[in-house]
Amino acid sequence: DRVIARTMIKTPEFWNHRGIASILLWPLSLIWAFASAIRNHFARQSTAALPVICIGNVTAGGTGKTPVTAFLYDGLCDAGYRPAILIRGYGAAVNAPMWVDPSQHTIDDCGDEALMLAESRDVLVAPDRVAGAHVISLRGLHDVILMDDGMQNPFISKTFSIGIFDGSVGIGNGFLIPAGPLRVSLASGVQQMDIALINGDDETNIAAKLPASLTQLSANLLPDPSTIDALSGTPVLAFAGIGQPKRFFATLRKAGCNLVHYLAFADHHPYSETDLVRLQEDAMRLGAQLVTTQKDWVRLPAEWRERIVVLPVALALNDDGALLTHVESAINAHQNS
């Protein structure tokens, strides 16, 4: 079948290579670096009462932080810990720390990633990470904080930091924002990491760019097998508004799905009725089933969710147990200090 791709506004394509656009924007990257340096110089760092495990990255855009956070939360619970997730909440309306309740809150209240994580986990949305960590510790129910993103936040001390890289894009063209995807230089970023985790096949050889002294792990996002089985033999129209939509489409292809049409939207894209009607019309024309990610599914109006298949994914580490072992050691060292 003919595959059609339609791309909305998303991560700039020139972030993946050095060209005229990135060169012209490079002077603005110096301003970004200077502003970051000033903020870090004057920031007063706070230490939380509980150990803070940071799951972050050095680039803008999706690398798979949220699935790693979910993996750690579930693994720590199985090991007898009582974690809580601290997340800023992209686009959240709240301006003070708030515990997420999926039965009451919407993406407008807390953001899509927070709502997705909170389906079966304790999640606190807080624009101010220091205030959020304080609220979690005062609750008295938790013994470790998993901070989704915030590696470059200079205001809160991290007990242990995990840097996530998307193997398909690595660090792009290696330039700082806005000329490239880097929030900080790679050299500066790896100094903040205790572990680097490469998500997916290392197509850009990012492993060779990291110092030999930095522990490296690799992982893949595996689709739910029962959902894949249910889609067997069915034409699929996939759509995604995440940091790296092509990773979702590649997952479907690799799982053997008959992907006949796909659309990439911007990260956190708010789906309008027009978007969804167009998707449905395209699906009917192709005789295809609409399929999307968990993060996109929570952004859909309730009346549309039953018409669209959601494909859950789970993190699978190539060295099973290694990540949790490192994290547990960091937690125990903090508790014994």
Protein backbone atom coordinates (compact mmCIF):
# COMPACT_ATOMS: atom_id res chain seq x y z
CA ASP A 1 0.00 0.00 0.00
CA ARG A 2 1.05 3.56 -0.66
CA VAL A 3 2.28 5.34 2.45
CA ILE A 4 1.44 9.01 2.84
CA ALA A 5 3.14 11.32 5.35
CA ARG A 6 1.83 14.74 6.34
CA THR A 7 3.88 16.76 8.81
CA MET A 8 2.68 19.65 10.93
CA ILE A 9 4.90 22.17 12.75
CA LYS A 10 7.37 20.25 14.86
CA THR A 11 11.03 20.09 15.88
CA PRO A 12 13.04 22.01 13.24
CA GLU A 13 14.53 19.68 10.66
CA PHE A 14 17.74 21.73 10.54
CA TRP A 15 18.44 20.72 14.13
CA ASN A 16 19.56 17.36 12.72
CA HIS A 17 22.29 18.78 10.47
CA ARG A 18 24.50 21.83 10.05
CA GLY A 19 23.39 24.13 7.27
CA ILE A 20 22.60 27.73 6.49
CA ALA A 21 19.75 28.00 9.01
CA SER A 22 21.76 26.62 11.91
CA ILE A 23 24.81 28.73 11.05
CA LEU A 24 22.72 31.91 10.88
CA LEU A 25 21.15 31.16 14.26
CA TRP A 26 24.43 30.24 15.92
CA PRO A 27 25.04 33.76 17.34
CA LEU A 28 21.71 33.48 19.19
CA SER A 29 22.99 30.26 20.74
CA LEU A 30 25.72 32.33 22.40
CA ILE A 31 23.01 34.47 23.99
CA TRP A 32 21.26 31.28 25.22
CA ALA A 33 24.54 30.02 26.71
CA PHE A 34 25.27 33.38 28.37
CA ALA A 35 21.76 33.60 29.88
CA SER A 36 22.05 30.05 31.22
CA ALA A 37 25.45 30.80 32.75
CA ILE A 38 24.08 33.91 34.49
CA ARG A 39 21.11 31.98 35.89
CA ASN A 40 23.32 29.16 37.16
CA HIS A 41 25.78 31.60 38.75
CA PHE A 42 23.14 33.34 40.82
CA ALA A 43 20.97 30.28 41.56
CA ARG A 44 20.76 29.09 45.16
CA GLN A 45 20.57 25.32 45.18
CA SER A 46 18.23 23.60 47.62
CA THR A 47 18.57 20.04 48.93
CA ALA A 48 15.37 18.06 49.31
CA ALA A 49 14.66 15.95 52.38
CA LEU A 50 14.17 12.88 50.17
CA PRO A 51 16.58 11.52 47.56
CA VAL A 52 15.91 13.03 44.12
CA ILE A 53 16.43 10.78 41.10
CA CYS A 54 16.47 12.97 37.98
CA ILE A 55 15.46 11.54 34.60
CA GLY A 56 16.55 14.20 32.12
CA ASN A 57 18.32 14.94 28.86
CA VAL A 58 20.58 17.51 27.23
CA THR A 59 18.36 18.16 24.21
CA ALA A 60 14.99 19.77 23.60
CA GLY A 61 12.36 17.35 22.35
CA GLY A 62 11.43 13.82 23.28
CA THR A 63 14.01 11.21 24.21
CA GLY A 64 11.81 8.81 26.19
CA LYS A 65 12.05 10.31 29.68
CA THR A 66 8.47 9.51 30.61
CA PRO A 67 8.67 5.73 29.87
CA VAL A 68 11.92 5.60 31.86
CA THR A 69 10.21 7.39 34.76
CA ALA A 70 7.32 4.89 34.63
CA PHE A 71 9.78 1.97 34.51
CA LEU A 72 11.66 3.23 37.57
CA TYR A 73 8.50 3.97 39.53
CA ASP A 74 7.08 0.49 38.95
CA GLY A 75 10.42 -1.21 39.58
CA LEU A 76 11.02 0.69 42.82
CA CYS A 77 7.50 -0.15 44.03
CA ASP A 78 8.19 -3.84 43.36
CA ALA A 79 11.41 -3.49 45.38
CA GLY A 80 9.52 -2.07 48.37
CA TYR A 81 10.15 1.64 47.92
CA ARG A 82 7.45 4.33 47.95
CA PRO A 83 8.26 6.72 45.11
CA ALA A 84 6.48 9.86 43.96
CA ILE A 85 6.91 11.50 40.58
CA LEU A 86 7.70 15.21 40.40
CA ILE A 87 6.97 16.78 37.02
CA ARG A 88 6.61 20.32 35.78
CA GLY A 89 3.57 19.51 33.64
CA TYR A 90 3.85 20.92 30.14
CA GLY A 91 1.14 23.57 29.63
CA ALA A 92 -0.30 22.98 33.10
CA ALA A 93 -2.63 25.68 34.38
CA VAL A 94 -1.56 25.26 38.00
CA ASN A 95 0.90 27.68 39.57
CA ALA A 96 1.31 25.73 42.83
CA PRO A 97 2.10 22.06 43.55
CA MET A 98 -0.86 19.78 42.82
CA TRP A 99 -1.36 16.03 43.16
CA VAL A 100 -2.80 14.69 39.92
CA ASP A 101 -6.14 12.89 40.01
CA PRO A 102 -7.04 11.41 36.59
CA SER A 103 -10.70 11.20 37.61
CA GLN A 104 -10.87 14.96 38.15
CA HIS A 105 -8.05 16.63 36.24
CA THR A 106 -7.57 17.17 32.52
CA ILE A 107 -4.52 17.90 30.38
CA ASP A 108 -5.33 21.60 30.77
CA ASP A 109 -4.86 21.22 34.52
CA CYS A 110 -1.67 19.18 34.61
CA GLY A 111 -0.35 18.37 31.10
CA ASP A 112 -0.50 15.16 29.07
CA GLU A 113 2.56 13.39 30.47
CA ALA A 114 1.50 13.95 34.08
CA LEU A 115 -2.02 12.69 33.37
CA MET A 116 -0.67 9.60 31.60
CA LEU A 117 1.71 8.75 34.44
CA ALA A 118 -0.94 9.34 37.11
CA GLU A 119 -3.22 6.57 35.82
CA SER A 120 -1.51 4.20 38.24
CA ARG A 121 1.11 6.30 40.04
CA ASP A 122 1.50 9.15 42.54
CA VAL A 123 2.31 12.25 40.50
CA LEU A 124 2.81 15.82 41.69
CA VAL A 125 2.80 18.67 39.17
CA ALA A 126 4.87 21.64 40.31
CA PRO A 127 6.26 24.53 38.24
CA ASP A 128 8.65 25.15 41.16
CA ARG A 129 10.61 21.91 41.64
CA VAL A 130 11.90 22.92 45.08
CA ALA A 131 8.38 23.62 46.36
CA GLY A 132 7.18 20.37 44.79
CA ALA A 133 9.88 18.29 46.48
CA HIS A 134 8.95 19.91 49.81
CA VAL A 135 5.27 19.00 49.35
CA ILE A 136 6.17 15.38 48.57
CA SER A 137 8.37 15.06 51.67
CA LEU A 138 5.71 16.68 53.91
CA ARG A 139 3.11 14.16 52.74
CA GLY A 140 4.98 11.49 54.68
CA LEU A 141 4.05 8.66 52.32
CA HIS A 142 7.13 8.56 50.11
CA ASP A 143 10.82 7.78 50.44
CA VAL A 144 12.15 8.80 47.00
CA ILE A 145 11.36 11.45 44.38
CA LEU A 146 11.54 10.65 40.66
CA MET A 147 11.94 13.98 38.87
CA ASP A 148 10.85 13.79 35.23
CA ASP A 149 13.05 16.35 33.42
CA GLY A 150 14.87 19.19 35.16
CA MET A 151 18.47 18.07 34.78
CA GLN A 152 19.46 21.66 33.96
CA ASN A 153 17.40 23.10 36.85
CA PRO A 154 20.03 24.74 39.10
CA PHE A 155 17.70 25.28 42.06
CA ILE A 156 17.35 21.68 43.28
CA SER A 157 20.13 19.23 44.11
CA LYS A 158 19.97 15.80 42.49
CA THR A 159 20.98 12.62 44.28
CA PHE A 160 21.37 10.70 41.03
CA SER A 161 20.89 11.79 37.41
CA ILE A 162 20.05 9.65 34.39
CA GLY A 163 20.62 11.25 30.99
CA ILE A 164 18.41 9.91 28.22
CA PHE A 165 19.46 10.02 24.57
CA ASP A 166 17.29 9.13 21.60
CA GLY A 167 19.45 6.79 19.54
CA SER A 168 17.86 7.90 16.28
CA VAL A 169 18.80 11.59 16.64
CA GLY A 170 21.54 11.72 19.29
CA ILE A 171 22.50 15.36 19.79
CA GLY A 172 21.46 16.44 16.30
CA ASN A 173 23.79 19.02 14.78
CA GLY A 174 25.53 19.57 18.12
CA PHE A 175 24.54 23.26 18.40
CA LEU A 176 22.82 24.96 21.31
CA ILE A 177 19.24 26.24 21.09
CA PRO A 178 18.04 27.84 18.80
CA ALA A 179 20.64 26.76 16.22
CA GLY A 180 20.38 23.16 17.41
CA PRO A 181 18.64 20.97 19.98
CA LEU A 182 21.18 21.16 22.82
CA ARG A 183 20.11 22.83 26.07
CA VAL A 184 23.73 22.78 27.24
CA SER A 185 26.93 21.65 25.60
CA LEU A 186 27.42 17.89 25.55
CA ALA A 187 30.56 18.23 27.70
CA SER A 188 28.65 20.21 30.31
CA GLY A 189 25.65 17.92 30.11
CA VAL A 190 27.51 14.69 30.74
CA GLN A 191 29.10 16.21 33.84
CA GLN A 192 25.59 16.31 35.31
CA MET A 193 24.93 12.63 34.57
CA ASP A 194 25.63 9.55 36.65
CA ILE A 195 24.36 7.26 33.89
CA ALA A 196 23.61 7.68 30.19
CA LEU A 197 20.77 5.62 28.75
CA ILE A 198 20.50 5.33 24.97
CA ASN A 199 16.89 4.73 23.93
CA GLY A 200 16.61 2.75 20.69
CA ASP A 201 19.25 1.79 18.16
CA ASP A 202 22.29 4.09 18.31
CA GLU A 203 22.02 5.37 14.73
CA THR A 204 24.17 8.47 15.36
CA ASN A 205 26.91 6.72 17.35
CA ILE A 206 26.25 8.85 20.41
CA ALA A 207 27.88 6.16 22.58
CA ALA A 208 31.29 6.99 21.05
CA LYS A 209 30.81 10.69 21.87
CA LEU A 210 30.33 10.01 25.58
CA PRO A 211 33.28 9.70 27.97
CA ALA A 212 34.43 6.17 28.72
CA SER A 213 34.10 6.89 32.44
CA LEU A 214 30.32 7.41 32.13
CA THR A 215 28.24 4.28 32.66
CA GLN A 216 26.15 3.59 29.56
CA LEU A 217 23.02 1.50 29.29
CA SER A 218 20.76 0.83 26.31
CA ALA A 219 17.05 0.20 26.06
CA ASN A 220 14.15 -0.05 23.63
CA LEU A 221 10.48 0.82 23.84
CA LEU A 222 8.48 -2.34 23.15
CA PRO A 223 4.81 -2.16 22.08
CA ASP A 224 2.11 -4.02 23.98
CA PRO A 225 1.95 -7.47 22.30
CA SER A 226 -1.80 -7.93 22.79
CA THR A 227 -2.53 -4.66 20.99
CA ILE A 228 -0.19 -5.61 18.15
CA ASP A 229 -1.88 -9.02 17.86
CA ALA A 230 -5.29 -7.33 17.69
CA LEU A 231 -4.05 -5.15 14.80
CA SER A 232 -2.70 -8.11 12.83
CA GLY A 233 -3.84 -7.95 9.21
CA THR A 234 -5.55 -4.58 9.70
CA PRO A 235 -4.46 -1.51 7.73
CA VAL A 236 -3.27 1.10 10.20
CA LEU A 237 -3.41 4.90 10.07
CA ALA A 238 -1.05 6.12 12.78
CA PHE A 239 -0.73 9.63 14.16
CA ALA A 240 1.42 11.10 16.89
CA GLY A 241 2.20 14.44 18.46
CA ILE A 242 5.28 13.56 20.52
CA GLY A 243 8.89 14.65 20.53
CA GLN A 244 9.96 12.05 17.97
CA PRO A 245 6.88 10.83 16.05
CA LYS A 246 9.00 8.82 13.62
CA ARG A 247 10.02 6.56 16.50
CA PHE A 248 6.37 5.60 17.02
CA PHE A 249 5.86 4.89 13.33
CA ALA A 250 9.05 2.80 13.25
CA THR A 251 7.79 0.82 16.24
CA LEU A 252 4.60 -0.06 14.37
CA ARG A 253 6.51 -1.11 11.27
CA LYS A 254 8.98 -3.18 13.27
CA ALA A 255 6.09 -4.94 15.01
CA GLY A 256 4.72 -5.99 11.61
CA CYS A 257 1.77 -3.60 11.38
CA ASN A 258 0.39 -2.71 7.97
CA LEU A 259 1.08 1.03 8.21
CA VAL A 260 -0.62 2.64 5.21
CA HIS A 261 -0.78 6.26 6.36
CA TYR A 262 0.84 8.33 9.09
CA LEU A 263 0.74 11.91 10.32
CA ALA A 264 3.24 13.66 12.57
CA PHE A 265 1.98 16.54 14.68
CA ALA A 266 3.91 18.89 16.95
CA ASP A 267 4.77 17.68 20.46
CA HIS A 268 1.80 18.18 22.85
CA HIS A 269 -0.43 19.07 19.87
CA PRO A 270 -3.99 19.94 21.04
CA TYR A 271 -6.25 17.92 18.74
CA SER A 272 -9.15 19.93 17.37
CA GLU A 273 -12.42 18.52 16.07
CA THR A 274 -11.18 19.41 12.58
CA ASP A 275 -8.00 17.35 13.09
CA LEU A 276 -9.95 14.33 14.29
CA VAL A 277 -12.62 14.49 11.59
CA ARG A 278 -9.89 14.67 8.96
CA LEU A 279 -8.13 11.67 10.52
CA GLN A 280 -11.35 9.70 10.60
CA GLU A 281 -12.13 10.55 6.96
CA ASP A 282 -8.63 9.46 5.90
CA ALA A 283 -9.02 6.21 7.85
CA MET A 284 -12.40 5.45 6.28
CA ARG A 285 -11.04 6.17 2.81
CA LEU A 286 -8.17 3.74 3.36
CA GLY A 287 -10.20 1.20 5.33
CA ALA A 288 -7.72 1.67 8.17
CA GLN A 289 -7.82 1.67 11.96
CA LEU A 290 -6.68 4.84 13.74
CA VAL A 291 -3.80 4.17 16.16
CA THR A 292 -1.92 6.58 18.40
CA THR A 293 0.34 6.79 21.47
CA GLN A 294 -0.71 6.90 25.12
CA LYS A 295 0.49 10.49 25.37
CA ASP A 296 -1.69 11.49 22.41
CA TRP A 297 -4.67 9.43 23.56
CA VAL A 298 -5.00 11.32 26.86
CA ARG A 299 -5.24 14.55 24.84
CA LEU A 300 -8.23 13.31 22.85
CA PRO A 301 -11.79 14.34 23.74
CA ALA A 302 -13.56 11.52 25.61
CA GLU A 303 -16.03 10.90 22.75
CA TRP A 304 -13.15 10.17 20.36
CA ARG A 305 -11.15 7.78 22.53
CA GLU A 306 -13.29 4.71 21.88
CA ARG A 307 -12.77 5.10 18.13
CA ILE A 308 -8.98 5.16 18.32
CA VAL A 309 -6.65 2.34 19.37
CA VAL A 310 -3.97 3.32 21.85
CA LEU A 311 -0.65 1.47 21.68
CA PRO A 312 1.07 1.29 25.07
CA VAL A 313 4.84 0.87 25.12
CA ALA A 314 7.11 -0.34 27.90
CA LEU A 315 10.81 0.19 28.45
CA ALA A 316 12.96 -2.91 28.00
CA LEU A 317 16.57 -2.61 29.13
CA ASN A 318 19.20 -4.65 27.35
CA ASP A 319 20.92 -5.17 30.71
CA ASP A 320 17.82 -5.97 32.71
CA GLY A 321 18.01 -4.78 36.31
CA ALA A 322 21.17 -2.68 35.93
CA LEU A 323 19.38 0.67 36.01
CA LEU A 324 17.35 -0.19 39.08
CA THR A 325 20.45 -1.50 40.84
CA HIS A 326 22.26 1.81 40.33
CA VAL A 327 19.23 3.82 41.45
CA GLU A 328 18.67 1.70 44.56
CA SER A 329 22.34 2.09 45.50
CA ALA A 330 22.01 5.88 45.22
CA ILE A 331 18.83 5.89 47.35
CA ASN A 332 20.44 3.73 50.02
CA ALA A 333 23.58 5.87 50.09
CA HIS A 334 21.44 8.98 50.58
CA GLN A 335 19.44 7.37 53.37
CA ASN A 336 22.61 6.23 55.14
CA SER A 337 24.43 9.56 54.83
